[in-house]
């Protein structure tokens, strides 16, 4: 019975990562999540842009699947606030973990909106 409870805790407890959102600019009409471009380097963006929100996940035991799942959640939230893209970083929470431990990570992301330079002319 105890093993089942531990299994259920890890199955449901670890998979629900909270995502904090800090509004840094105006929010726009929502768009579809698949329209949100994803970047890991702001220097690769060729258009002028402004930040509209910062996303920050709680920590989670690292796995590629878990990181991708959190990016999907961030992308959906960015679409709801009308972002055009996100710039994200996957960071280790504890860089000095012991051998055998699963390292914990978190994702920080900036939701951006492209600026149309011709709009104000």
N, C-alpha and C. Protein backbone atom coordinates (compact mmCIF):
# COMPACT_ATOMS: atom_id res chain seq x y z
N UNK A 1 0.82 -1.19 0.00
CA UNK A 1 0.00 0.00 0.00
C UNK A 1 0.87 1.26 0.00
N UNK A 2 1.91 1.21 0.79
CA UNK A 2 2.80 2.38 0.90
C UNK A 2 3.47 2.69 -0.45
N UNK A 3 3.88 1.63 -1.15
CA UNK A 3 4.51 1.81 -2.46
C UNK A 3 3.54 2.47 -3.44
N UNK A 4 2.29 2.09 -3.36
CA UNK A 4 1.28 2.67 -4.25
C UNK A 4 1.11 4.16 -3.96
N UNK A 5 1.08 4.54 -2.70
CA UNK A 5 0.95 5.95 -2.34
C UNK A 5 2.15 6.76 -2.82
N UNK A 6 3.34 6.22 -2.66
CA UNK A 6 4.55 6.90 -3.13
C UNK A 6 4.49 7.04 -4.65
N UNK A 7 4.09 6.00 -5.34
CA UNK A 7 3.97 6.04 -6.80
C UNK A 7 2.97 7.12 -7.23
N UNK A 8 1.81 7.16 -6.60
CA UNK A 8 0.79 8.15 -6.94
C UNK A 8 1.29 9.57 -6.67
N UNK A 9 2.03 9.75 -5.58
CA UNK A 9 2.59 11.07 -5.28
C UNK A 9 3.50 11.54 -6.41
N UNK A 10 4.39 10.66 -6.85
CA UNK A 10 5.31 11.04 -7.91
C UNK A 10 4.60 11.19 -9.26
N UNK A 11 3.59 10.37 -9.48
CA UNK A 11 2.86 10.45 -10.74
C UNK A 11 2.10 11.77 -10.85
N UNK A 12 1.40 12.15 -9.79
CA UNK A 12 0.57 13.36 -9.85
C UNK A 12 1.24 14.57 -9.23
N UNK A 13 2.00 14.39 -8.19
CA UNK A 13 2.63 15.51 -7.50
C UNK A 13 3.75 16.15 -8.29
N UNK A 14 4.57 15.38 -8.95
CA UNK A 14 5.72 15.92 -9.67
C UNK A 14 5.36 16.46 -11.04
N UNK A 15 4.23 16.05 -11.57
CA UNK A 15 3.91 16.47 -12.93
C UNK A 15 3.15 17.78 -12.99
N UNK A 16 2.78 18.33 -11.86
CA UNK A 16 2.01 19.58 -11.89
C UNK A 16 2.91 20.74 -11.45
N UNK A 17 3.58 21.32 -12.41
CA UNK A 17 4.48 22.43 -12.15
C UNK A 17 3.70 23.73 -12.27
N UNK A 18 3.87 24.60 -11.30
CA UNK A 18 3.23 25.91 -11.35
C UNK A 18 4.05 26.84 -12.22
N UNK A 19 3.36 27.72 -12.90
CA UNK A 19 4.04 28.72 -13.73
C UNK A 19 3.58 30.09 -13.28
N UNK A 20 4.52 30.88 -12.77
CA UNK A 20 4.23 32.25 -12.39
C UNK A 20 4.32 33.14 -13.61
N UNK A 21 3.43 34.13 -13.70
CA UNK A 21 3.45 35.08 -14.80
C UNK A 21 3.54 36.48 -14.22
N UNK A 22 4.50 37.25 -14.71
CA UNK A 22 4.64 38.65 -14.31
C UNK A 22 4.42 39.50 -15.55
N UNK A 23 3.38 40.33 -15.52
CA UNK A 23 3.08 41.18 -16.67
C UNK A 23 4.07 42.33 -16.72
N UNK A 24 4.73 42.51 -17.87
CA UNK A 24 5.71 43.58 -18.03
C UNK A 24 5.31 44.57 -19.11
N UNK A 25 4.24 44.29 -19.80
CA UNK A 25 3.77 45.16 -20.87
C UNK A 25 2.31 44.88 -21.12
N UNK A 26 1.73 45.51 -22.15
CA UNK A 26 0.32 45.26 -22.43
C UNK A 26 0.10 43.85 -22.95
N UNK A 27 -1.08 43.31 -22.67
CA UNK A 27 -1.45 42.02 -23.22
C UNK A 27 -2.34 42.25 -24.42
N UNK A 28 -2.32 41.34 -25.34
CA UNK A 28 -2.97 41.48 -26.63
C UNK A 28 -4.00 40.37 -26.82
N UNK A 29 -4.81 40.46 -27.88
CA UNK A 29 -5.77 39.37 -28.13
C UNK A 29 -5.04 38.04 -28.27
N UNK A 30 -5.67 36.99 -27.77
CA UNK A 30 -5.02 35.68 -27.78
C UNK A 30 -4.81 35.16 -29.20
N UNK A 31 -3.90 34.24 -29.30
CA UNK A 31 -3.56 33.60 -30.57
C UNK A 31 -3.47 32.10 -30.33
N UNK A 32 -3.11 31.34 -31.33
CA UNK A 32 -2.98 29.89 -31.18
C UNK A 32 -1.57 29.54 -30.70
N UNK A 33 -1.47 28.56 -29.80
CA UNK A 33 -0.15 28.17 -29.27
C UNK A 33 0.87 27.79 -30.34
N UNK A 34 0.42 27.15 -31.43
CA UNK A 34 1.38 26.73 -32.46
C UNK A 34 1.93 27.91 -33.25
N UNK A 35 1.37 29.11 -33.07
CA UNK A 35 1.87 30.32 -33.73
C UNK A 35 3.02 30.96 -32.94
N UNK A 36 3.21 30.53 -31.69
CA UNK A 36 4.24 31.10 -30.82
C UNK A 36 5.60 30.53 -31.22
N UNK A 37 6.50 31.42 -31.64
CA UNK A 37 7.86 30.99 -31.98
C UNK A 37 8.65 30.80 -30.68
N UNK A 38 9.62 29.90 -30.70
CA UNK A 38 10.41 29.61 -29.50
C UNK A 38 11.88 29.85 -29.80
N UNK A 39 12.51 30.62 -28.93
CA UNK A 39 13.93 30.94 -29.06
C UNK A 39 14.65 30.65 -27.74
N UNK A 40 15.94 30.35 -27.86
CA UNK A 40 16.79 30.22 -26.67
C UNK A 40 17.83 31.34 -26.64
N UNK A 41 17.86 32.15 -27.70
CA UNK A 41 18.85 33.23 -27.80
C UNK A 41 18.18 34.45 -28.43
N UNK A 42 18.13 35.55 -27.70
CA UNK A 42 17.48 36.76 -28.20
C UNK A 42 18.18 37.33 -29.42
N UNK A 43 19.45 37.03 -29.60
CA UNK A 43 20.20 37.54 -30.75
C UNK A 43 19.80 36.88 -32.07
N UNK A 44 19.06 35.79 -32.01
CA UNK A 44 18.60 35.12 -33.22
C UNK A 44 17.28 35.70 -33.75
N UNK A 45 16.67 36.59 -32.99
CA UNK A 45 15.42 37.21 -33.41
C UNK A 45 15.76 38.38 -34.32
N UNK A 46 15.22 38.37 -35.51
CA UNK A 46 15.56 39.38 -36.53
C UNK A 46 14.58 40.55 -36.58
N UNK A 47 13.54 40.54 -35.75
CA UNK A 47 12.55 41.62 -35.74
C UNK A 47 12.67 42.40 -34.43
N UNK A 48 12.24 43.66 -34.47
CA UNK A 48 12.18 44.44 -33.23
C UNK A 48 11.06 43.87 -32.36
N UNK A 49 11.29 43.84 -31.04
CA UNK A 49 10.28 43.27 -30.15
C UNK A 49 10.31 43.95 -28.80
N UNK A 50 9.26 43.73 -28.04
CA UNK A 50 9.17 44.20 -26.66
C UNK A 50 8.66 43.07 -25.79
N UNK A 51 9.11 43.05 -24.55
CA UNK A 51 8.67 42.03 -23.61
C UNK A 51 7.29 42.37 -23.05
N UNK A 52 6.43 41.36 -22.95
CA UNK A 52 5.10 41.60 -22.38
C UNK A 52 4.84 40.78 -21.11
N UNK A 53 5.64 39.75 -20.87
CA UNK A 53 5.47 38.95 -19.65
C UNK A 53 6.69 38.08 -19.41
N UNK A 54 6.88 37.77 -18.14
CA UNK A 54 7.94 36.85 -17.73
C UNK A 54 7.27 35.61 -17.14
N UNK A 55 7.71 34.45 -17.55
CA UNK A 55 7.21 33.18 -17.01
C UNK A 55 8.33 32.52 -16.22
N UNK A 56 7.96 31.90 -15.13
CA UNK A 56 8.93 31.20 -14.30
C UNK A 56 8.24 29.97 -13.73
N UNK A 57 8.80 28.78 -14.02
CA UNK A 57 8.20 27.55 -13.49
C UNK A 57 8.76 27.27 -12.10
N UNK A 58 8.04 26.44 -11.38
CA UNK A 58 8.62 25.91 -10.15
C UNK A 58 9.64 24.84 -10.58
N UNK A 59 10.42 24.37 -9.64
CA UNK A 59 11.44 23.38 -10.00
C UNK A 59 10.79 22.03 -10.29
N UNK A 60 11.47 21.26 -11.12
CA UNK A 60 10.99 19.92 -11.46
C UNK A 60 12.20 19.03 -11.68
N UNK A 61 12.06 17.72 -11.34
CA UNK A 61 13.15 16.78 -11.61
C UNK A 61 13.39 16.72 -13.11
N UNK A 62 14.63 16.89 -13.52
CA UNK A 62 14.91 17.02 -14.95
C UNK A 62 14.68 15.73 -15.72
N UNK A 63 13.98 15.90 -16.81
CA UNK A 63 13.89 14.92 -17.89
C UNK A 63 13.52 15.73 -19.12
N UNK A 64 13.94 15.26 -20.27
CA UNK A 64 13.62 15.99 -21.50
C UNK A 64 12.11 16.10 -21.67
N UNK A 65 11.41 15.02 -21.35
CA UNK A 65 9.95 14.99 -21.48
C UNK A 65 9.31 16.05 -20.57
N UNK A 66 9.78 16.16 -19.33
CA UNK A 66 9.22 17.12 -18.37
C UNK A 66 9.51 18.55 -18.82
N UNK A 67 10.71 18.80 -19.33
CA UNK A 67 11.06 20.14 -19.82
C UNK A 67 10.17 20.52 -21.00
N UNK A 68 9.98 19.59 -21.93
CA UNK A 68 9.12 19.87 -23.09
C UNK A 68 7.68 20.11 -22.68
N UNK A 69 7.21 19.35 -21.70
CA UNK A 69 5.84 19.53 -21.20
C UNK A 69 5.66 20.93 -20.62
N UNK A 70 6.66 21.41 -19.91
CA UNK A 70 6.58 22.75 -19.33
C UNK A 70 6.64 23.83 -20.41
N UNK A 71 7.43 23.60 -21.44
CA UNK A 71 7.47 24.56 -22.56
C UNK A 71 6.11 24.63 -23.27
N UNK A 72 5.44 23.50 -23.39
CA UNK A 72 4.10 23.50 -23.99
C UNK A 72 3.15 24.35 -23.14
N UNK A 73 3.23 24.21 -21.82
CA UNK A 73 2.38 25.00 -20.93
C UNK A 73 2.69 26.49 -21.07
N UNK A 74 3.97 26.82 -21.12
CA UNK A 74 4.36 28.23 -21.27
C UNK A 74 3.87 28.77 -22.61
N UNK A 75 4.01 27.98 -23.64
CA UNK A 75 3.57 28.40 -24.97
C UNK A 75 2.06 28.68 -24.99
N UNK A 76 1.28 27.84 -24.32
CA UNK A 76 -0.17 28.04 -24.24
C UNK A 76 -0.50 29.34 -23.49
N UNK A 77 0.21 29.57 -22.40
CA UNK A 77 -0.04 30.80 -21.63
C UNK A 77 0.39 32.03 -22.42
N UNK A 78 1.48 31.93 -23.17
CA UNK A 78 1.93 33.05 -24.00
C UNK A 78 0.90 33.34 -25.10
N UNK A 79 0.30 32.30 -25.64
CA UNK A 79 -0.73 32.48 -26.68
C UNK A 79 -1.95 33.21 -26.11
N UNK A 80 -2.30 32.90 -24.87
CA UNK A 80 -3.47 33.54 -24.24
C UNK A 80 -3.28 35.04 -24.08
N UNK A 81 -2.02 35.48 -23.91
CA UNK A 81 -1.79 36.92 -23.71
C UNK A 81 -1.36 37.61 -25.00
N UNK A 82 -1.42 36.89 -26.11
CA UNK A 82 -1.16 37.48 -27.42
C UNK A 82 0.29 37.66 -27.80
N UNK A 83 1.18 36.88 -27.20
CA UNK A 83 2.60 36.98 -27.54
C UNK A 83 2.85 36.43 -28.95
N UNK A 84 3.95 36.86 -29.54
CA UNK A 84 4.38 36.33 -30.84
C UNK A 84 5.43 35.24 -30.67
N UNK A 85 6.20 35.31 -29.57
CA UNK A 85 7.29 34.36 -29.36
C UNK A 85 7.66 34.33 -27.88
N UNK A 86 8.46 33.33 -27.53
CA UNK A 86 9.06 33.28 -26.20
C UNK A 86 10.56 33.04 -26.35
N UNK A 87 11.29 33.60 -25.41
CA UNK A 87 12.73 33.33 -25.29
C UNK A 87 12.88 32.64 -23.94
N UNK A 88 13.43 31.45 -23.93
CA UNK A 88 13.49 30.73 -22.66
C UNK A 88 14.90 30.25 -22.33
N UNK A 89 15.07 29.96 -21.04
CA UNK A 89 16.30 29.36 -20.54
C UNK A 89 15.93 28.25 -19.56
N UNK A 90 16.57 27.12 -19.70
CA UNK A 90 16.41 25.99 -18.78
C UNK A 90 17.60 26.05 -17.83
N UNK A 91 17.30 26.22 -16.55
CA UNK A 91 18.37 26.42 -15.57
C UNK A 91 18.33 25.36 -14.48
N UNK A 92 19.51 24.98 -14.01
CA UNK A 92 19.62 24.03 -12.91
C UNK A 92 19.36 24.76 -11.59
N UNK A 93 18.52 24.18 -10.76
CA UNK A 93 18.22 24.77 -9.46
C UNK A 93 19.37 24.57 -8.49
N UNK A 94 19.94 23.39 -8.49
CA UNK A 94 21.05 23.08 -7.60
C UNK A 94 22.17 22.50 -8.43
N UNK A 95 23.16 23.31 -8.75
CA UNK A 95 24.25 22.87 -9.61
C UNK A 95 25.20 21.91 -8.89
N UNK A 96 25.07 21.76 -7.58
CA UNK A 96 25.96 20.89 -6.80
C UNK A 96 25.21 19.67 -6.27
N UNK A 97 24.45 19.01 -7.12
CA UNK A 97 23.71 17.84 -6.67
C UNK A 97 24.66 16.65 -6.52
N UNK A 98 24.27 15.70 -5.71
CA UNK A 98 25.06 14.50 -5.46
C UNK A 98 24.83 13.46 -6.55
N UNK A 99 25.84 12.63 -6.76
CA UNK A 99 25.72 11.56 -7.75
C UNK A 99 24.56 10.66 -7.34
N UNK A 100 23.75 10.31 -8.31
CA UNK A 100 22.58 9.48 -8.05
C UNK A 100 21.30 10.27 -7.87
N UNK A 101 21.42 11.55 -7.56
CA UNK A 101 20.24 12.40 -7.43
C UNK A 101 19.81 12.89 -8.81
N UNK A 102 18.53 13.06 -8.98
CA UNK A 102 18.03 13.65 -10.22
C UNK A 102 18.06 15.16 -10.02
N UNK A 103 18.79 15.88 -10.85
CA UNK A 103 18.87 17.33 -10.67
C UNK A 103 17.53 18.00 -10.93
N UNK A 104 17.28 19.08 -10.21
CA UNK A 104 16.06 19.85 -10.40
C UNK A 104 16.35 21.06 -11.27
N UNK A 105 15.42 21.36 -12.13
CA UNK A 105 15.54 22.47 -13.06
C UNK A 105 14.32 23.35 -12.99
N UNK A 106 14.41 24.52 -13.59
CA UNK A 106 13.26 25.40 -13.77
C UNK A 106 13.44 26.10 -15.11
N UNK A 107 12.36 26.64 -15.62
CA UNK A 107 12.39 27.37 -16.89
C UNK A 107 11.99 28.80 -16.63
N UNK A 108 12.79 29.72 -17.14
CA UNK A 108 12.43 31.14 -17.15
C UNK A 108 12.24 31.52 -18.61
N UNK A 109 11.19 32.28 -18.89
CA UNK A 109 10.92 32.65 -20.28
C UNK A 109 10.38 34.07 -20.34
N UNK A 110 10.67 34.74 -21.43
CA UNK A 110 10.15 36.08 -21.70
C UNK A 110 9.21 35.97 -22.88
N UNK A 111 7.95 36.37 -22.69
CA UNK A 111 7.00 36.44 -23.80
C UNK A 111 7.21 37.77 -24.49
N UNK A 112 7.30 37.74 -25.81
CA UNK A 112 7.56 38.97 -26.55
C UNK A 112 6.49 39.21 -27.61
N UNK A 113 6.37 40.48 -27.99
CA UNK A 113 5.48 40.90 -29.07
C UNK A 113 6.35 41.65 -30.06
N UNK A 114 6.22 41.30 -31.34
CA UNK A 114 6.99 41.99 -32.37
C UNK A 114 6.45 43.40 -32.54
N UNK A 115 7.35 44.32 -32.82
CA UNK A 115 6.99 45.72 -33.02
C UNK A 115 6.97 45.99 -34.52
N UNK A 116 5.86 46.51 -35.00
CA UNK A 116 5.77 46.89 -36.41
C UNK A 116 6.19 48.34 -36.51
N UNK A 117 7.38 48.58 -37.05
CA UNK A 117 7.92 49.94 -37.11
C UNK A 117 7.09 50.86 -38.00
N UNK A 118 6.35 50.28 -38.96
CA UNK A 118 5.55 51.10 -39.87
C UNK A 118 4.20 51.49 -39.27
N UNK A 119 3.85 50.89 -38.15
CA UNK A 119 2.53 51.11 -37.54
C UNK A 119 2.37 52.55 -37.06
N UNK A 120 3.44 53.18 -36.59
CA UNK A 120 3.36 54.53 -36.02
C UNK A 120 3.60 55.63 -37.02
N UNK A 121 3.74 55.31 -38.28
CA UNK A 121 4.01 56.35 -39.29
C UNK A 121 2.74 56.92 -39.87
